[in-house]
Amino acid sequence: MSKEKIRQVLKEQGKFSTDIDSLSDDADLYEAGMTSHASVNVMLALEDAFDLEFPDRMLKRSVFESINAIHAAVEELSA
């Protein structure tokens, strides 16, 4: 599972005012400008991109707050 693929989804769906490539993998995506509404779009796009579904237990802010957190969730669901 590629963090580059996650970054691409964030670029397309996250509605960031800053360049996503300038953010570290552990940067807070909400502090960088991602709204709750944008995070739902990111989640749906991630489900399509990685052919998976986030279970209810993962539908919380902490799962989508950084590239590392998203990557860990995608890895867990793909195992």
PDB file of N, CA and C in Angstrom:
ATOM      1  N   MET A   1       0.834  -1.177   0.000  1.00  0.00           N
ATOM      2  CA  MET A   1       0.000   0.000   0.000  1.00  0.00           C
ATOM      3  C   MET A   1       0.876   1.237   0.000  1.00  0.00           C
ATOM      4  N   SER A   2       0.700   2.040  -0.950  1.00  0.00           N
ATOM      5  CA  SER A   2       1.592   3.153  -1.178  1.00  0.00           C
ATOM      6  C   SER A   2       1.111   4.447  -0.513  1.00  0.00           C
ATOM      7  N   LYS A   3       2.023   5.073   0.226  1.00  0.00           N
ATOM      8  CA  LYS A   3       1.696   6.381   0.788  1.00  0.00           C
ATOM      9  C   LYS A   3       1.535   7.404  -0.337  1.00  0.00           C
ATOM     10  N   GLU A   4       2.191   7.157  -1.465  1.00  0.00           N
ATOM     11  CA  GLU A   4       2.030   8.057  -2.615  1.00  0.00           C
ATOM     12  C   GLU A   4       0.587   8.026  -3.127  1.00  0.00           C
ATOM     13  N   LYS A   5      -0.008   6.837  -3.126  1.00  0.00           N
ATOM     14  CA  LYS A   5      -1.405   6.702  -3.557  1.00  0.00           C
ATOM     15  C   LYS A   5      -2.320   7.441  -2.580  1.00  0.00           C
ATOM     16  N   ILE A   6      -2.021   7.358  -1.296  1.00  0.00           N
ATOM     17  CA  ILE A   6      -2.791   8.076  -0.278  1.00  0.00           C
ATOM     18  C   ILE A   6      -2.652   9.583  -0.497  1.00  0.00           C
ATOM     19  N   ARG A   7      -1.420  10.032  -0.749  1.00  0.00           N
ATOM     20  CA  ARG A   7      -1.194  11.459  -1.013  1.00  0.00           C
ATOM     21  C   ARG A   7      -1.982  11.920  -2.247  1.00  0.00           C
ATOM     22  N   GLN A   8      -2.046  11.076  -3.264  1.00  0.00           N
ATOM     23  CA  GLN A   8      -2.778  11.440  -4.477  1.00  0.00           C
ATOM     24  C   GLN A   8      -4.265  11.624  -4.171  1.00  0.00           C
ATOM     25  N   VAL A   9      -4.832  10.709  -3.399  1.00  0.00           N
ATOM     26  CA  VAL A   9      -6.242  10.836  -2.996  1.00  0.00           C
ATOM     27  C   VAL A   9      -6.432  12.127  -2.197  1.00  0.00           C
ATOM     28  N   LEU A  10      -5.513  12.414  -1.283  1.00  0.00           N
ATOM     29  CA  LEU A  10      -5.620  13.631  -0.482  1.00  0.00           C
ATOM     30  C   LEU A  10      -5.540  14.879  -1.356  1.00  0.00           C
ATOM     31  N   LYS A  11      -4.674  14.855  -2.352  1.00  0.00           N
ATOM     32  CA  LYS A  11      -4.556  15.991  -3.279  1.00  0.00           C
ATOM     33  C   LYS A  11      -5.872  16.242  -4.000  1.00  0.00           C
ATOM     34  N   GLU A  12      -6.518  15.161  -4.418  1.00  0.00           N
ATOM     35  CA  GLU A  12      -7.747  15.272  -5.205  1.00  0.00           C
ATOM     36  C   GLU A  12      -8.971  15.604  -4.351  1.00  0.00           C
ATOM     37  N   GLN A  13      -9.013  15.107  -3.115  1.00  0.00           N
ATOM     38  CA  GLN A  13     -10.235  15.194  -2.308  1.00  0.00           C
ATOM     39  C   GLN A  13     -10.122  16.025  -1.034  1.00  0.00           C
ATOM     40  N   GLY A  14      -8.907  16.303  -0.584  1.00  0.00           N
ATOM     41  CA  GLY A  14      -8.728  16.929   0.735  1.00  0.00           C
ATOM     42  C   GLY A  14      -8.995  18.411   0.800  1.00  0.00           C
ATOM     43  N   LYS A  15      -9.004  19.085  -0.357  1.00  0.00           N
ATOM     44  CA  LYS A  15      -9.254  20.538  -0.401  1.00  0.00           C
ATOM     45  C   LYS A  15      -8.294  21.308   0.502  1.00  0.00           C
ATOM     46  N   PHE A  16      -7.007  20.997   0.400  1.00  0.00           N
ATOM     47  CA  PHE A  16      -5.997  21.679   1.209  1.00  0.00           C
ATOM     48  C   PHE A  16      -5.603  23.005   0.578  1.00  0.00           C
ATOM     49  N   SER A  17      -5.310  23.979   1.425  1.00  0.00           N
ATOM     50  CA  SER A  17      -4.814  25.261   0.922  1.00  0.00           C
ATOM     51  C   SER A  17      -3.306  25.185   0.705  1.00  0.00           C
ATOM     52  N   THR A  18      -2.672  24.215   1.339  1.00  0.00           N
ATOM     53  CA  THR A  18      -1.236  24.021   1.204  1.00  0.00           C
ATOM     54  C   THR A  18      -0.954  22.812   0.319  1.00  0.00           C
ATOM     55  N   ASP A  19       0.247  22.719  -0.195  1.00  0.00           N
ATOM     56  CA  ASP A  19       0.635  21.589  -1.038  1.00  0.00           C
ATOM     57  C   ASP A  19       0.821  20.353  -0.165  1.00  0.00           C
ATOM     58  N   ILE A  20       0.073  19.323  -0.451  1.00  0.00           N
ATOM     59  CA  ILE A  20       0.123  18.091   0.342  1.00  0.00           C
ATOM     60  C   ILE A  20       1.530  17.484   0.355  1.00  0.00           C
ATOM     61  N   ASP A  21       2.282  17.693  -0.719  1.00  0.00           N
ATOM     62  CA  ASP A  21       3.639  17.141  -0.780  1.00  0.00           C
ATOM     63  C   ASP A  21       4.589  17.813   0.201  1.00  0.00           C
ATOM     64  N   SER A  22       4.214  18.984   0.691  1.00  0.00           N
ATOM     65  CA  SER A  22       5.072  19.680   1.659  1.00  0.00           C
ATOM     66  C   SER A  22       4.821  19.198   3.089  1.00  0.00           C
ATOM     67  N   LEU A  23       3.782  18.397   3.281  1.00  0.00           N
ATOM     68  CA  LEU A  23       3.448  17.895   4.616  1.00  0.00           C
ATOM     69  C   LEU A  23       4.181  16.598   4.913  1.00  0.00           C
ATOM     70  N   SER A  24       4.603  16.441   6.163  1.00  0.00           N
ATOM     71  CA  SER A  24       5.229  15.184   6.569  1.00  0.00           C
ATOM     72  C   SER A  24       4.146  14.121   6.729  1.00  0.00           C
ATOM     73  N   ASP A  25       4.565  12.864   6.791  1.00  0.00           N
ATOM     74  CA  ASP A  25       3.606  11.762   6.908  1.00  0.00           C
ATOM     75  C   ASP A  25       2.839  11.796   8.232  1.00  0.00           C
ATOM     76  N   ASP A  26       3.391  12.478   9.231  1.00  0.00           N
ATOM     77  CA  ASP A  26       2.693  12.533  10.521  1.00  0.00           C
ATOM     78  C   ASP A  26       2.072  13.906  10.805  1.00  0.00           C
ATOM     79  N   ALA A  27       2.043  14.779   9.805  1.00  0.00           N
ATOM     80  CA  ALA A  27       1.416  16.092   9.969  1.00  0.00           C
ATOM     81  C   ALA A  27      -0.095  15.935  10.166  1.00  0.00           C
ATOM     82  N   ASP A  28      -0.673  16.803  10.995  1.00  0.00           N
ATOM     83  CA  ASP A  28      -2.117  16.782  11.251  1.00  0.00           C
ATOM     84  C   ASP A  28      -2.841  17.354  10.033  1.00  0.00           C
ATOM     85  N   LEU A  29      -3.586  16.506   9.344  1.00  0.00           N
ATOM     86  CA  LEU A  29      -4.265  16.916   8.115  1.00  0.00           C
ATOM     87  C   LEU A  29      -5.391  17.908   8.390  1.00  0.00           C
ATOM     88  N   TYR A  30      -5.985  17.836   9.574  1.00  0.00           N
ATOM     89  CA  TYR A  30      -7.052  18.786   9.921  1.00  0.00           C
ATOM     90  C   TYR A  30      -6.450  20.179  10.163  1.00  0.00           C
ATOM     91  N   GLU A  31      -5.284  20.218  10.815  1.00  0.00           N
ATOM     92  CA  GLU A  31      -4.592  21.498  11.016  1.00  0.00           C
ATOM     93  C   GLU A  31      -4.159  22.079   9.674  1.00  0.00           C
ATOM     94  N   ALA A  32      -3.885  21.202   8.696  1.00  0.00           N
ATOM     95  CA  ALA A  32      -3.452  21.645   7.366  1.00  0.00           C
ATOM     96  C   ALA A  32      -4.629  22.116   6.511  1.00  0.00           C
ATOM     97  N   GLY A  33      -5.847  21.998   7.045  1.00  0.00           N
ATOM     98  CA  GLY A  33      -6.992  22.562   6.339  1.00  0.00           C
ATOM     99  C   GLY A  33      -8.075  21.594   5.898  1.00  0.00           C
ATOM    100  N   MET A  34      -7.910  20.307   6.179  1.00  0.00           N
ATOM    101  CA  MET A  34      -8.953  19.358   5.780  1.00  0.00           C
ATOM    102  C   MET A  34     -10.167  19.509   6.690  1.00  0.00           C
ATOM    103  N   THR A  35     -11.332  19.651   6.097  1.00  0.00           N
ATOM    104  CA  THR A  35     -12.571  19.769   6.864  1.00  0.00           C
ATOM    105  C   THR A  35     -13.170  18.391   7.106  1.00  0.00           C
ATOM    106  N   SER A  36     -14.145  18.318   7.974  1.00  0.00           N
ATOM    107  CA  SER A  36     -14.845  17.053   8.208  1.00  0.00           C
ATOM    108  C   SER A  36     -15.515  16.572   6.927  1.00  0.00           C
ATOM    109  N   HIS A  37     -16.092  17.501   6.185  1.00  0.00           N
ATOM    110  CA  HIS A  37     -16.747  17.140   4.919  1.00  0.00           C
ATOM    111  C   HIS A  37     -15.724  16.571   3.933  1.00  0.00           C
ATOM    112  N   ALA A  38     -14.572  17.228   3.834  1.00  0.00           N
ATOM    113  CA  ALA A  38     -13.526  16.735   2.929  1.00  0.00           C
ATOM    114  C   ALA A  38     -13.025  15.360   3.371  1.00  0.00           C
ATOM    115  N   SER A  39     -12.982  15.114   4.684  1.00  0.00           N
ATOM    116  CA  SER A  39     -12.487  13.817   5.165  1.00  0.00           C
ATOM    117  C   SER A  39     -13.418  12.683   4.746  1.00  0.00           C
ATOM    118  N   VAL A  40     -14.715  12.967   4.639  1.00  0.00           N
ATOM    119  CA  VAL A  40     -15.662  11.950   4.153  1.00  0.00           C
ATOM    120  C   VAL A  40     -15.364  11.645   2.684  1.00  0.00           C
ATOM    121  N   ASN A  41     -15.116  12.682   1.893  1.00  0.00           N
ATOM    122  CA  ASN A  41     -14.762  12.471   0.486  1.00  0.00           C
ATOM    123  C   ASN A  41     -13.449  11.708   0.356  1.00  0.00           C
ATOM    124  N   VAL A  42     -12.489  12.019   1.227  1.00  0.00           N
ATOM    125  CA  VAL A  42     -11.211  11.299   1.238  1.00  0.00           C
ATOM    126  C   VAL A  42     -11.455   9.830   1.556  1.00  0.00           C
ATOM    127  N   MET A  43     -12.274   9.561   2.571  1.00  0.00           N
ATOM    128  CA  MET A  43     -12.567   8.175   2.955  1.00  0.00           C
ATOM    129  C   MET A  43     -13.187   7.401   1.790  1.00  0.00           C
ATOM    130  N   LEU A  44     -14.168   7.995   1.131  1.00  0.00           N
ATOM    131  CA  LEU A  44     -14.821   7.315   0.006  1.00  0.00           C
ATOM    132  C   LEU A  44     -13.840   7.072  -1.138  1.00  0.00           C
ATOM    133  N   ALA A  45     -12.995   8.040  -1.409  1.00  0.00           N
ATOM    134  CA  ALA A  45     -12.004   7.890  -2.480  1.00  0.00           C
ATOM    135  C   ALA A  45     -10.965   6.832  -2.117  1.00  0.00           C
ATOM    136  N   LEU A  46     -10.589   6.763  -0.847  1.00  0.00           N
ATOM    137  CA  LEU A  46      -9.645   5.726  -0.394  1.00  0.00           C
ATOM    138  C   LEU A  46     -10.268   4.340  -0.549  1.00  0.00           C
ATOM    139  N   GLU A  47     -11.551   4.223  -0.227  1.00  0.00           N
ATOM    140  CA  GLU A  47     -12.234   2.939  -0.384  1.00  0.00           C
ATOM    141  C   GLU A  47     -12.192   2.491  -1.845  1.00  0.00           C
ATOM    142  N   ASP A  48     -12.421   3.426  -2.759  1.00  0.00           N
ATOM    143  CA  ASP A  48     -12.353   3.101  -4.193  1.00  0.00           C
ATOM    144  C   ASP A  48     -10.930   2.773  -4.624  1.00  0.00           C
ATOM    145  N   ALA A  49      -9.975   3.593  -4.199  1.00  0.00           N
ATOM    146  CA  ALA A  49      -8.585   3.440  -4.631  1.00  0.00           C
ATOM    147  C   ALA A  49      -7.967   2.124  -4.163  1.00  0.00           C
ATOM    148  N   PHE A  50      -8.330   1.703  -2.955  1.00  0.00           N
ATOM    149  CA  PHE A  50      -7.723   0.500  -2.379  1.00  0.00           C
ATOM    150  C   PHE A  50      -8.681  -0.692  -2.346  1.00  0.00           C
ATOM    151  N   ASP A  51      -9.885  -0.522  -2.885  1.00  0.00           N
ATOM    152  CA  ASP A  51     -10.887  -1.582  -2.939  1.00  0.00           C
ATOM    153  C   ASP A  51     -11.125  -2.197  -1.553  1.00  0.00           C
ATOM    154  N   LEU A  52     -11.507  -1.339  -0.621  1.00  0.00           N
ATOM    155  CA  LEU A  52     -11.799  -1.778   0.743  1.00  0.00           C
ATOM    156  C   LEU A  52     -12.925  -0.928   1.305  1.00  0.00           C
ATOM    157  N   GLU A  53     -13.380  -1.296   2.498  1.00  0.00           N
ATOM    158  CA  GLU A  53     -14.426  -0.534   3.160  1.00  0.00           C
ATOM    159  C   GLU A  53     -14.027  -0.295   4.609  1.00  0.00           C
ATOM    160  N   PHE A  54     -14.084   0.958   5.023  1.00  0.00           N
ATOM    161  CA  PHE A  54     -13.766   1.277   6.411  1.00  0.00           C
ATOM    162  C   PHE A  54     -14.934   0.869   7.296  1.00  0.00           C
ATOM    163  N   PRO A  55     -14.687   0.007   8.313  1.00  0.00           N
ATOM    164  CA  PRO A  55     -15.764  -0.384   9.224  1.00  0.00           C
ATOM    165  C   PRO A  55     -16.110   0.781  10.156  1.00  0.00           C
ATOM    166  N   ASP A  56     -17.289   0.715  10.766  1.00  0.00           N
ATOM    167  CA  ASP A  56     -17.754   1.778  11.658  1.00  0.00           C
ATOM    168  C   ASP A  56     -16.732   2.134  12.730  1.00  0.00           C
ATOM    169  N   ARG A  57     -16.020   1.150  13.243  1.00  0.00           N
ATOM    170  CA  ARG A  57     -15.060   1.406  14.323  1.00  0.00           C
ATOM    171  C   ARG A  57     -13.914   2.315  13.871  1.00  0.00           C
ATOM    172  N   MET A  58     -13.710   2.415  12.564  1.00  0.00           N
ATOM    173  CA  MET A  58     -12.632   3.265  12.045  1.00  0.00           C
ATOM    174  C   MET A  58     -13.124   4.629  11.569  1.00  0.00           C
ATOM    175  N   LEU A  59     -14.408   4.879  11.681  1.00  0.00           N
ATOM    176  CA  LEU A  59     -14.952   6.156  11.200  1.00  0.00           C
ATOM    177  C   LEU A  59     -14.823   7.212  12.286  1.00  0.00           C
ATOM    178  N   LYS A  60     -13.585   7.586  12.554  1.00  0.00           N
ATOM    179  CA  LYS A  60     -13.314   8.614  13.551  1.00  0.00           C
ATOM    180  C   LYS A  60     -12.136   9.465  13.094  1.00  0.00           C
ATOM    181  N   ARG A  61     -12.080  10.632  13.634  1.00  0.00           N
ATOM    182  CA  ARG A  61     -11.093  11.628  13.226  1.00  0.00           C
ATOM    183  C   ARG A  61      -9.657  11.097  13.283  1.00  0.00           C
ATOM    184  N   SER A  62      -9.309  10.359  14.319  1.00  0.00           N
ATOM    185  CA  SER A  62      -7.929   9.912  14.500  1.00  0.00           C
ATOM    186  C   SER A  62      -7.435   9.022  13.362  1.00  0.00           C
ATOM    187  N   VAL A  63      -8.335   8.291  12.711  1.00  0.00           N
ATOM    188  CA  VAL A  63      -7.943   7.401  11.607  1.00  0.00           C
ATOM    189  C   VAL A  63      -7.517   8.207  10.378  1.00  0.00           C
ATOM    190  N   PHE A  64      -8.058   9.416  10.236  1.00  0.00           N
ATOM    191  CA  PHE A  64      -7.791  10.224   9.049  1.00  0.00           C
ATOM    192  C   PHE A  64      -6.973  11.480   9.349  1.00  0.00           C
ATOM    193  N   GLU A  65      -6.343  11.537  10.536  1.00  0.00           N
ATOM    194  CA  GLU A  65      -5.666  12.777  10.915  1.00  0.00           C
ATOM    195  C   GLU A  65      -4.264  12.925  10.337  1.00  0.00           C
ATOM    196  N   SER A  66      -3.676  11.848   9.817  1.00  0.00           N
ATOM    197  CA  SER A  66      -2.349  11.958   9.197  1.00  0.00           C
ATOM    198  C   SER A  66      -2.195  10.880   8.128  1.00  0.00           C
ATOM    199  N   ILE A  67      -1.212  11.077   7.284  1.00  0.00           N
ATOM    200  CA  ILE A  67      -0.935  10.078   6.245  1.00  0.00           C
ATOM    201  C   ILE A  67      -0.534   8.764   6.903  1.00  0.00           C
ATOM    202  N   ASN A  68       0.265   8.835   7.973  1.00  0.00           N
ATOM    203  CA  ASN A  68       0.660   7.609   8.682  1.00  0.00           C
ATOM    204  C   ASN A  68      -0.554   6.882   9.257  1.00  0.00           C
ATOM    205  N   ALA A  69      -1.509   7.639   9.823  1.00  0.00           N
ATOM    206  CA  ALA A  69      -2.706   7.016  10.408  1.00  0.00           C
ATOM    207  C   ALA A  69      -3.559   6.356   9.326  1.00  0.00           C
ATOM    208  N   ILE A  70      -3.717   7.043   8.200  1.00  0.00           N
ATOM    209  CA  ILE A  70      -4.476   6.470   7.084  1.00  0.00           C
ATOM    210  C   ILE A  70      -3.778   5.228   6.566  1.00  0.00           C
ATOM    211  N   HIS A  71      -2.466   5.297   6.417  1.00  0.00           N
ATOM    212  CA  HIS A  71      -1.688   4.166   5.913  1.00  0.00           C
ATOM    213  C   HIS A  71      -1.845   2.954   6.831  1.00  0.00           C
ATOM    214  N   ALA A  72      -1.784   3.173   8.148  1.00  0.00           N
ATOM    215  CA  ALA A  72      -1.933   2.070   9.113  1.00  0.00           C
ATOM    216  C   ALA A  72      -3.312   1.437   8.988  1.00  0.00           C
ATOM    217  N   ALA A  73      -4.350   2.263   8.823  1.00  0.00           N
ATOM    218  CA  ALA A  73      -5.714   1.735   8.683  1.00  0.00           C
ATOM    219  C   ALA A  73      -5.864   0.932   7.397  1.00  0.00           C
ATOM    220  N   VAL A  74      -5.329   1.443   6.307  1.00  0.00           N
ATOM    221  CA  VAL A  74      -5.404   0.742   5.016  1.00  0.00           C
ATOM    222  C   VAL A  74      -4.642  -0.576   5.076  1.00  0.00           C
ATOM    223  N   GLU A  75      -3.465  -0.558   5.714  1.00  0.00           N
ATOM    224  CA  GLU A  75      -2.686  -1.793   5.875  1.00  0.00           C
ATOM    225  C   GLU A  75      -3.473  -2.824   6.676  1.00  0.00           C
ATOM    226  N   GLU A  76      -4.096  -2.383   7.776  1.00  0.00           N
ATOM    227  CA  GLU A  76      -4.868  -3.291   8.622  1.00  0.00           C
ATOM    228  C   GLU A  76      -6.038  -3.915   7.839  1.00  0.00           C
ATOM    229  N   LEU A  77      -6.723  -3.094   7.052  1.00  0.00           N
ATOM    230  CA  LEU A  77      -7.875  -3.582   6.308  1.00  0.00           C
ATOM    231  C   LEU A  77      -7.483  -4.449   5.119  1.00  0.00           C
ATOM    232  N   SER A  78      -6.257  -4.306   4.661  1.00  0.00           N
ATOM    233  CA  SER A  78      -5.803  -5.072   3.494  1.00  0.00           C
ATOM    234  C   SER A  78      -5.142  -6.386   3.898  1.00  0.00           C
ATOM    235  N   ALA A  79      -4.913  -6.561   5.193  1.00  0.00           N
ATOM    236  CA  ALA A  79      -4.215  -7.766   5.668  1.00  0.00           C
ATOM    237  C   ALA A  79      -5.087  -8.998   5.546  1.00  0.00           C
TER     238      ALA A  79
END
